[in-house]
């Protein structure tokens, strides 16, 4: 009976929450894409770029060159191989491995498709940074959000203490933001590219995580899911049943 309640409760909350967040970012990406096609992003991009130019200094130059590499293809690919190895050797998490590959690999492919769809040129070409191809959306921003977002999911699902989980999530969140701002500071992307990258990355990440949770829920995977979410779902499902019976 408890297993039935879990399965029945899953779409009632998790799907609604995920689809709600996705809807916002779909709207945001669509707005940015529309304004890009109508050439209406100049004022927003110009204001943000002016701010970053006003704080330029040698120390930030060096720092951001290092930070931007943390979202590069070679670095995320290396970390992905390490992550997959740990998932297999430590957790035997076959579903986690499958959907991690789909999320990271599919996200990279989606980024390329979107770039070639909008064909936006870059604000500048800096030989010191990795800036190849079209600009919209930012591949670094999109890729880092998907990768580090998935790592955050694994951390939430782990047995780490609550304090360590919160600290890890804060660090990952700050890192993703720094990678995005590094692309603006170094002249590799317009600010709207970065926001679009975050938006597209969030949409794809949520799709993959919802699919992963659903498959694990239905398959009875031995890998421990997000217990807090499931307890919340079961509790609300039981409360709803009691109200209906009244």
C-alpha atoms as a PDB file:
ATOM      1  CA  UNK A   1       0.000   0.000   0.000  1.00  0.00           C
ATOM      2  CA  UNK A   2       2.802   2.422   0.862  1.00  0.00           C
ATOM      3  CA  UNK A   3       4.462   1.749  -2.509  1.00  0.00           C
ATOM      4  CA  UNK A   4       1.169   2.466  -4.261  1.00  0.00           C
ATOM      5  CA  UNK A   5       0.825   5.749  -2.379  1.00  0.00           C
ATOM      6  CA  UNK A   6       4.345   6.742  -3.387  1.00  0.00           C
ATOM      7  CA  UNK A   7       3.672   6.061  -7.025  1.00  0.00           C
ATOM      8  CA  UNK A   8       0.343   7.813  -6.958  1.00  0.00           C
ATOM      9  CA  UNK A   9       1.745  10.823  -5.117  1.00  0.00           C
ATOM     10  CA  UNK A  10       4.715  11.383  -7.401  1.00  0.00           C
ATOM     11  CA  UNK A  11       3.041  13.329 -10.234  1.00  0.00           C
ATOM     12  CA  UNK A  12       0.776  15.245  -7.844  1.00  0.00           C
ATOM     13  CA  UNK A  13       3.620  17.353  -6.503  1.00  0.00           C
ATOM     14  CA  UNK A  14       6.927  16.744  -8.248  1.00  0.00           C
ATOM     15  CA  UNK A  15       5.562  17.059 -11.768  1.00  0.00           C
ATOM     16  CA  UNK A  16       3.613  20.212 -10.900  1.00  0.00           C
ATOM     17  CA  UNK A  17       6.655  21.800  -9.271  1.00  0.00           C
ATOM     18  CA  UNK A  18       9.001  20.826 -12.073  1.00  0.00           C
ATOM     19  CA  UNK A  19       6.641  21.868 -14.841  1.00  0.00           C
ATOM     20  CA  UNK A  20       5.927  25.137 -13.053  1.00  0.00           C
ATOM     21  CA  UNK A  21       9.613  26.046 -12.868  1.00  0.00           C
ATOM     22  CA  UNK A  22      10.135  24.882 -16.445  1.00  0.00           C
ATOM     23  CA  UNK A  23       7.261  27.055 -17.643  1.00  0.00           C
ATOM     24  CA  UNK A  24       8.886  30.157 -16.212  1.00  0.00           C
ATOM     25  CA  UNK A  25      12.226  29.463 -17.878  1.00  0.00           C
ATOM     26  CA  UNK A  26      10.573  28.530 -21.164  1.00  0.00           C
ATOM     27  CA  UNK A  27       8.838  31.913 -21.066  1.00  0.00           C
ATOM     28  CA  UNK A  28      12.106  33.660 -20.176  1.00  0.00           C
ATOM     29  CA  UNK A  29      14.045  31.979 -22.973  1.00  0.00           C
ATOM     30  CA  UNK A  30      11.276  32.710 -25.466  1.00  0.00           C
ATOM     31  CA  UNK A  31      11.272  36.383 -24.448  1.00  0.00           C
ATOM     32  CA  UNK A  32      15.040  36.644 -24.868  1.00  0.00           C
ATOM     33  CA  UNK A  33      14.915  34.873 -28.234  1.00  0.00           C
ATOM     34  CA  UNK A  34      12.129  37.149 -29.452  1.00  0.00           C
ATOM     35  CA  UNK A  35      13.969  40.289 -28.347  1.00  0.00           C
ATOM     36  CA  UNK A  36      17.133  38.976 -29.983  1.00  0.00           C
ATOM     37  CA  UNK A  37      15.357  38.512 -33.305  1.00  0.00           C
ATOM     38  CA  UNK A  38      13.825  41.978 -32.963  1.00  0.00           C
ATOM     39  CA  UNK A  39      17.179  43.513 -32.013  1.00  0.00           C
ATOM     40  CA  UNK A  40      15.864  44.763 -28.662  1.00  0.00           C
ATOM     41  CA  UNK A  41      18.577  43.462 -26.330  1.00  0.00           C
ATOM     42  CA  UNK A  42      21.093  46.253 -26.878  1.00  0.00           C
ATOM     43  CA  UNK A  43      20.102  48.369 -23.876  1.00  0.00           C
ATOM     44  CA  UNK A  44      20.139  45.447 -21.425  1.00  0.00           C
ATOM     45  CA  UNK A  45      23.367  43.991 -22.780  1.00  0.00           C
ATOM     46  CA  UNK A  46      25.016  47.389 -22.995  1.00  0.00           C
ATOM     47  CA  UNK A  47      24.226  48.315 -19.396  1.00  0.00           C
ATOM     48  CA  UNK A  48      25.576  45.053 -17.980  1.00  0.00           C
ATOM     49  CA  UNK A  49      28.685  45.095 -20.175  1.00  0.00           C
ATOM     50  CA  UNK A  50      29.401  48.682 -19.110  1.00  0.00           C
ATOM     51  CA  UNK A  51      29.308  47.610 -15.472  1.00  0.00           C
ATOM     52  CA  UNK A  52      31.790  44.799 -16.020  1.00  0.00           C
ATOM     53  CA  UNK A  53      34.105  47.091 -17.959  1.00  0.00           C
ATOM     54  CA  UNK A  54      34.038  49.532 -15.057  1.00  0.00           C
ATOM     55  CA  UNK A  55      35.452  46.908 -12.664  1.00  0.00           C
ATOM     56  CA  UNK A  56      38.159  45.530 -14.961  1.00  0.00           C
ATOM     57  CA  UNK A  57      41.553  44.984 -13.330  1.00  0.00           C
ATOM     58  CA  UNK A  58      44.478  42.525 -13.760  1.00  0.00           C
ATOM     59  CA  UNK A  59      43.522  40.418 -10.729  1.00  0.00           C
ATOM     60  CA  UNK A  60      39.980  39.872 -12.022  1.00  0.00           C
ATOM     61  CA  UNK A  61      41.352  39.132 -15.486  1.00  0.00           C
ATOM     62  CA  UNK A  62      43.450  36.264 -14.144  1.00  0.00           C
ATOM     63  CA  UNK A  63      40.743  35.026 -11.782  1.00  0.00           C
ATOM     64  CA  UNK A  64      38.018  34.944 -14.404  1.00  0.00           C
ATOM     65  CA  UNK A  65      40.285  33.207 -16.939  1.00  0.00           C
ATOM     66  CA  UNK A  66      40.684  30.381 -14.417  1.00  0.00           C
ATOM     67  CA  UNK A  67      36.991  30.340 -13.473  1.00  0.00           C
ATOM     68  CA  UNK A  68      35.768  30.247 -17.073  1.00  0.00           C
ATOM     69  CA  UNK A  69      37.760  27.028 -17.616  1.00  0.00           C
ATOM     70  CA  UNK A  70      35.614  25.347 -14.937  1.00  0.00           C
ATOM     71  CA  UNK A  71      32.746  25.489 -17.434  1.00  0.00           C
ATOM     72  CA  UNK A  72      34.754  24.543 -20.516  1.00  0.00           C
ATOM     73  CA  UNK A  73      34.076  21.441 -22.605  1.00  0.00           C
ATOM     74  CA  UNK A  74      37.347  19.728 -21.717  1.00  0.00           C
ATOM     75  CA  UNK A  75      36.961  20.343 -17.990  1.00  0.00           C
ATOM     76  CA  UNK A  76      33.304  19.245 -17.762  1.00  0.00           C
ATOM     77  CA  UNK A  77      34.081  16.206 -19.907  1.00  0.00           C
ATOM     78  CA  UNK A  78      36.887  15.212 -17.533  1.00  0.00           C
ATOM     79  CA  UNK A  79      34.662  15.679 -14.486  1.00  0.00           C
ATOM     80  CA  UNK A  80      31.865  13.759 -16.203  1.00  0.00           C
ATOM     81  CA  UNK A  81      34.120  10.728 -16.707  1.00  0.00           C
ATOM     82  CA  UNK A  82      35.118  10.863 -13.030  1.00  0.00           C
ATOM     83  CA  UNK A  83      31.481  11.227 -11.952  1.00  0.00           C
ATOM     84  CA  UNK A  84      30.365   8.272 -14.075  1.00  0.00           C
ATOM     85  CA  UNK A  85      33.155   6.140 -12.640  1.00  0.00           C
ATOM     86  CA  UNK A  86      32.118   6.977  -9.083  1.00  0.00           C
ATOM     87  CA  UNK A  87      28.446   6.329  -9.835  1.00  0.00           C
ATOM     88  CA  UNK A  88      29.299   2.890 -11.112  1.00  0.00           C
ATOM     89  CA  UNK A  89      31.986   1.861  -8.634  1.00  0.00           C
ATOM     90  CA  UNK A  90      30.486   3.332  -5.466  1.00  0.00           C
ATOM     91  CA  UNK A  91      26.728   3.394  -5.996  1.00  0.00           C
ATOM     92  CA  UNK A  92      26.045   0.983  -8.889  1.00  0.00           C
ATOM     93  CA  UNK A  93      23.503   3.608  -9.945  1.00  0.00           C
ATOM     94  CA  UNK A  94      22.588   2.492 -13.473  1.00  0.00           C
ATOM     95  CA  UNK A  95      19.706   4.940 -13.810  1.00  0.00           C
ATOM     96  CA  UNK A  96      21.782   7.804 -12.462  1.00  0.00           C
ATOM     97  CA  UNK A  97      24.503   6.980 -14.996  1.00  0.00           C
ATOM     98  CA  UNK A  98      22.057   6.798 -17.897  1.00  0.00           C
ATOM     99  CA  UNK A  99      20.298  10.067 -17.155  1.00  0.00           C
ATOM    100  CA  UNK A 100      23.539  11.862 -16.285  1.00  0.00           C
ATOM    101  CA  UNK A 101      24.828  10.967 -19.761  1.00  0.00           C
ATOM    102  CA  UNK A 102      21.547  12.080 -21.325  1.00  0.00           C
ATOM    103  CA  UNK A 103      21.586  15.348 -19.370  1.00  0.00           C
ATOM    104  CA  UNK A 104      25.199  16.337 -20.037  1.00  0.00           C
ATOM    105  CA  UNK A 105      25.538  14.901 -23.536  1.00  0.00           C
ATOM    106  CA  UNK A 106      22.069  15.928 -24.665  1.00  0.00           C
ATOM    107  CA  UNK A 107      22.568  19.384 -23.168  1.00  0.00           C
ATOM    108  CA  UNK A 108      25.757  19.874 -25.174  1.00  0.00           C
ATOM    109  CA  UNK A 109      23.960  18.841 -28.367  1.00  0.00           C
ATOM    110  CA  UNK A 110      21.009  21.113 -27.582  1.00  0.00           C
ATOM    111  CA  UNK A 111      23.386  24.037 -27.021  1.00  0.00           C
ATOM    112  CA  UNK A 112      24.943  23.543 -30.459  1.00  0.00           C
ATOM    113  CA  UNK A 113      21.518  23.280 -32.108  1.00  0.00           C
ATOM    114  CA  UNK A 114      20.298  26.501 -30.467  1.00  0.00           C
ATOM    115  CA  UNK A 115      23.473  28.365 -31.379  1.00  0.00           C
ATOM    116  CA  UNK A 116      23.107  27.379 -35.018  1.00  0.00           C
ATOM    117  CA  UNK A 117      19.423  28.241 -34.954  1.00  0.00           C
ATOM    118  CA  UNK A 118      19.931  31.853 -33.803  1.00  0.00           C
ATOM    119  CA  UNK A 119      23.402  32.429 -35.306  1.00  0.00           C
ATOM    120  CA  UNK A 120      24.286  35.350 -33.062  1.00  0.00           C
ATOM    121  CA  UNK A 121      27.826  36.679 -33.348  1.00  0.00           C
ATOM    122  CA  UNK A 122      30.002  37.175 -30.299  1.00  0.00           C
ATOM    123  CA  UNK A 123      30.717  40.593 -28.770  1.00  0.00           C
ATOM    124  CA  UNK A 124      34.482  40.100 -29.200  1.00  0.00           C
ATOM    125  CA  UNK A 125      37.130  37.488 -29.857  1.00  0.00           C
ATOM    126  CA  UNK A 126      39.632  37.033 -27.044  1.00  0.00           C
ATOM    127  CA  UNK A 127      42.452  34.619 -27.876  1.00  0.00           C
ATOM    128  CA  UNK A 128      42.991  33.854 -24.189  1.00  0.00           C
ATOM    129  CA  UNK A 129      39.568  32.255 -23.755  1.00  0.00           C
ATOM    130  CA  UNK A 130      37.536  29.439 -25.253  1.00  0.00           C
ATOM    131  CA  UNK A 131      35.119  31.294 -27.538  1.00  0.00           C
ATOM    132  CA  UNK A 132      34.295  29.445 -30.751  1.00  0.00           C
ATOM    133  CA  UNK A 133      31.126  29.522 -32.829  1.00  0.00           C
ATOM    134  CA  UNK A 134      27.921  31.421 -32.266  1.00  0.00           C
ATOM    135  CA  UNK A 135      27.003  33.186 -29.055  1.00  0.00           C
ATOM    136  CA  UNK A 136      23.320  32.571 -28.161  1.00  0.00           C
ATOM    137  CA  UNK A 137      22.853  30.833 -25.771  1.00  0.00           C
ATOM    138  CA  UNK A 138      26.073  30.616 -23.771  1.00  0.00           C
ATOM    139  CA  UNK A 139      27.370  27.047 -23.887  1.00  0.00           C
ATOM    140  CA  UNK A 140      29.484  27.532 -20.759  1.00  0.00           C
ATOM    141  CA  UNK A 141      26.492  28.807 -18.777  1.00  0.00           C
ATOM    142  CA  UNK A 142      24.168  26.095 -20.052  1.00  0.00           C
ATOM    143  CA  UNK A 143      26.679  23.275 -19.669  1.00  0.00           C
ATOM    144  CA  UNK A 144      27.843  24.290 -16.196  1.00  0.00           C
ATOM    145  CA  UNK A 145      24.272  24.645 -14.917  1.00  0.00           C
ATOM    146  CA  UNK A 146      23.365  21.179 -16.200  1.00  0.00           C
ATOM    147  CA  UNK A 147      26.528  19.486 -14.932  1.00  0.00           C
ATOM    148  CA  UNK A 148      26.828  21.161 -11.542  1.00  0.00           C
ATOM    149  CA  UNK A 149      23.048  21.075 -11.146  1.00  0.00           C
ATOM    150  CA  UNK A 150      23.109  17.302 -11.578  1.00  0.00           C
ATOM    151  CA  UNK A 151      25.951  17.062  -9.063  1.00  0.00           C
ATOM    152  CA  UNK A 152      23.794  19.105  -6.667  1.00  0.00           C
ATOM    153  CA  UNK A 153      20.989  16.560  -7.170  1.00  0.00           C
ATOM    154  CA  UNK A 154      23.338  13.703  -6.277  1.00  0.00           C
ATOM    155  CA  UNK A 155      24.466  15.601  -3.179  1.00  0.00           C
ATOM    156  CA  UNK A 156      20.880  16.186  -2.032  1.00  0.00           C
ATOM    157  CA  UNK A 157      20.221  12.476  -2.553  1.00  0.00           C
ATOM    158  CA  UNK A 158      23.342  11.442  -0.636  1.00  0.00           C
ATOM    159  CA  UNK A 159      23.841  10.584   3.037  1.00  0.00           C
ATOM    160  CA  UNK A 160      25.831  13.720   3.794  1.00  0.00           C
ATOM    161  CA  UNK A 161      24.827  15.739   6.830  1.00  0.00           C
ATOM    162  CA  UNK A 162      22.381  18.568   6.241  1.00  0.00           C
ATOM    163  CA  UNK A 163      24.974  21.261   6.898  1.00  0.00           C
ATOM    164  CA  UNK A 164      27.382  19.775   4.375  1.00  0.00           C
ATOM    165  CA  UNK A 165      24.619  19.508   1.797  1.00  0.00           C
ATOM    166  CA  UNK A 166      23.665  23.163   2.209  1.00  0.00           C
ATOM    167  CA  UNK A 167      27.309  24.280   2.031  1.00  0.00           C
ATOM    168  CA  UNK A 168      27.904  22.172  -1.086  1.00  0.00           C
ATOM    169  CA  UNK A 169      24.807  23.562  -2.809  1.00  0.00           C
ATOM    170  CA  UNK A 170      25.851  27.142  -2.027  1.00  0.00           C
ATOM    171  CA  UNK A 171      29.339  26.528  -3.418  1.00  0.00           C
ATOM    172  CA  UNK A 172      27.981  24.941  -6.604  1.00  0.00           C
ATOM    173  CA  UNK A 173      25.456  27.757  -7.053  1.00  0.00           C
ATOM    174  CA  UNK A 174      28.106  30.447  -6.664  1.00  0.00           C
ATOM    175  CA  UNK A 175      30.385  28.575  -9.070  1.00  0.00           C
ATOM    176  CA  UNK A 176      27.714  28.446 -11.784  1.00  0.00           C
ATOM    177  CA  UNK A 177      27.058  32.183 -11.383  1.00  0.00           C
ATOM    178  CA  UNK A 178      30.786  32.971 -11.546  1.00  0.00           C
ATOM    179  CA  UNK A 179      31.204  30.906 -14.706  1.00  0.00           C
ATOM    180  CA  UNK A 180      28.376  32.842 -16.350  1.00  0.00           C
ATOM    181  CA  UNK A 181      29.706  36.234 -15.291  1.00  0.00           C
ATOM    182  CA  UNK A 182      33.199  35.239 -16.450  1.00  0.00           C
ATOM    183  CA  UNK A 183      31.859  34.893 -19.989  1.00  0.00           C
ATOM    184  CA  UNK A 184      30.543  38.461 -19.857  1.00  0.00           C
ATOM    185  CA  UNK A 185      33.644  39.903 -18.191  1.00  0.00           C
ATOM    186  CA  UNK A 186      36.004  38.255 -20.689  1.00  0.00           C
ATOM    187  CA  UNK A 187      33.953  39.394 -23.676  1.00  0.00           C
ATOM    188  CA  UNK A 188      32.973  35.904 -24.832  1.00  0.00           C
ATOM    189  CA  UNK A 189      29.214  36.481 -24.513  1.00  0.00           C
ATOM    190  CA  UNK A 190      26.537  39.116 -24.205  1.00  0.00           C
ATOM    191  CA  UNK A 191      24.705  39.090 -20.844  1.00  0.00           C
ATOM    192  CA  UNK A 192      21.518  37.920 -22.578  1.00  0.00           C
ATOM    193  CA  UNK A 193      23.462  34.902 -23.895  1.00  0.00           C
ATOM    194  CA  UNK A 194      24.306  33.914 -20.341  1.00  0.00           C
ATOM    195  CA  UNK A 195      20.723  34.306 -19.084  1.00  0.00           C
ATOM    196  CA  UNK A 196      19.477  32.295 -22.067  1.00  0.00           C
ATOM    197  CA  UNK A 197      22.056  29.607 -21.306  1.00  0.00           C
ATOM    198  CA  UNK A 198      20.895  29.371 -17.707  1.00  0.00           C
ATOM    199  CA  UNK A 199      17.272  29.208 -18.864  1.00  0.00           C
ATOM    200  CA  UNK A 200      17.822  26.474 -21.445  1.00  0.00           C
ATOM    201  CA  UNK A 201      20.031  24.557 -19.020  1.00  0.00           C
ATOM    202  CA  UNK A 202      17.408  24.693 -16.275  1.00  0.00           C
ATOM    203  CA  UNK A 203      14.688  23.441 -18.616  1.00  0.00           C
ATOM    204  CA  UNK A 204      16.781  20.500 -19.811  1.00  0.00           C
ATOM    205  CA  UNK A 205      18.065  19.658 -16.313  1.00  0.00           C
ATOM    206  CA  UNK A 206      14.550  19.562 -14.849  1.00  0.00           C
ATOM    207  CA  UNK A 207      13.321  17.344 -17.684  1.00  0.00           C
ATOM    208  CA  UNK A 208      16.136  14.880 -17.059  1.00  0.00           C
ATOM    209  CA  UNK A 209      15.719  14.873 -13.270  1.00  0.00           C
ATOM    210  CA  UNK A 210      11.962  14.385 -13.503  1.00  0.00           C
ATOM    211  CA  UNK A 211      12.503  11.473 -15.874  1.00  0.00           C
ATOM    212  CA  UNK A 212      15.160   9.969 -13.589  1.00  0.00           C
ATOM    213  CA  UNK A 213      13.014  10.248 -10.479  1.00  0.00           C
ATOM    214  CA  UNK A 214      10.019   8.787 -12.306  1.00  0.00           C
ATOM    215  CA  UNK A 215      11.999   5.795 -13.611  1.00  0.00           C
ATOM    216  CA  UNK A 216      13.523   5.121 -10.193  1.00  0.00           C
ATOM    217  CA  UNK A 217      10.122   5.490  -8.576  1.00  0.00           C
ATOM    218  CA  UNK A 218       8.504   2.968 -10.889  1.00  0.00           C
ATOM    219  CA  UNK A 219      11.410   0.532 -11.120  1.00  0.00           C
ATOM    220  CA  UNK A 220      11.951   0.205  -7.382  1.00  0.00           C
ATOM    221  CA  UNK A 221      15.612   1.125  -7.809  1.00  0.00           C
ATOM    222  CA  UNK A 222      17.849   0.231  -4.857  1.00  0.00           C
ATOM    223  CA  UNK A 223      19.405   3.708  -5.048  1.00  0.00           C
ATOM    224  CA  UNK A 224      17.972   5.902  -2.287  1.00  0.00           C
ATOM    225  CA  UNK A 225      15.879   8.755  -3.775  1.00  0.00           C
ATOM    226  CA  UNK A 226      15.261  12.196  -2.328  1.00  0.00           C
ATOM    227  CA  UNK A 227      13.658  10.971   0.884  1.00  0.00           C
ATOM    228  CA  UNK A 228      12.385  14.356   2.002  1.00  0.00           C
ATOM    229  CA  UNK A 229      10.495  14.835  -1.254  1.00  0.00           C
ATOM    230  CA  UNK A 230       8.988  11.373  -1.124  1.00  0.00           C
ATOM    231  CA  UNK A 231       7.900  11.723   2.496  1.00  0.00           C
ATOM    232  CA  UNK A 232       6.308  15.025   1.584  1.00  0.00           C
ATOM    233  CA  UNK A 233       4.491  13.443  -1.353  1.00  0.00           C
ATOM    234  CA  UNK A 234       3.211  10.464   0.599  1.00  0.00           C
ATOM    235  CA  UNK A 235       2.056  12.682   3.458  1.00  0.00           C
ATOM    236  CA  UNK A 236       0.162  14.997   1.121  1.00  0.00           C
ATOM    237  CA  UNK A 237      -1.332  12.086  -0.801  1.00  0.00           C
ATOM    238  CA  UNK A 238      -2.678  10.575   2.417  1.00  0.00           C
ATOM    239  CA  UNK A 239      -4.057  13.952   3.548  1.00  0.00           C
ATOM    240  CA  UNK A 240      -5.767  14.430   0.197  1.00  0.00           C
ATOM    241  CA  UNK A 241      -7.344  10.961   0.425  1.00  0.00           C
ATOM    242  CA  UNK A 242      -8.691  11.716   3.890  1.00  0.00           C
ATOM    243  CA  UNK A 243     -10.232  14.995   2.696  1.00  0.00           C
ATOM    244  CA  UNK A 244     -11.830  13.284  -0.291  1.00  0.00           C
ATOM    245  CA  UNK A 245     -13.341  10.554   1.893  1.00  0.00           C
ATOM    246  CA  UNK A 246     -14.928  13.184   4.119  1.00  0.00           C
END
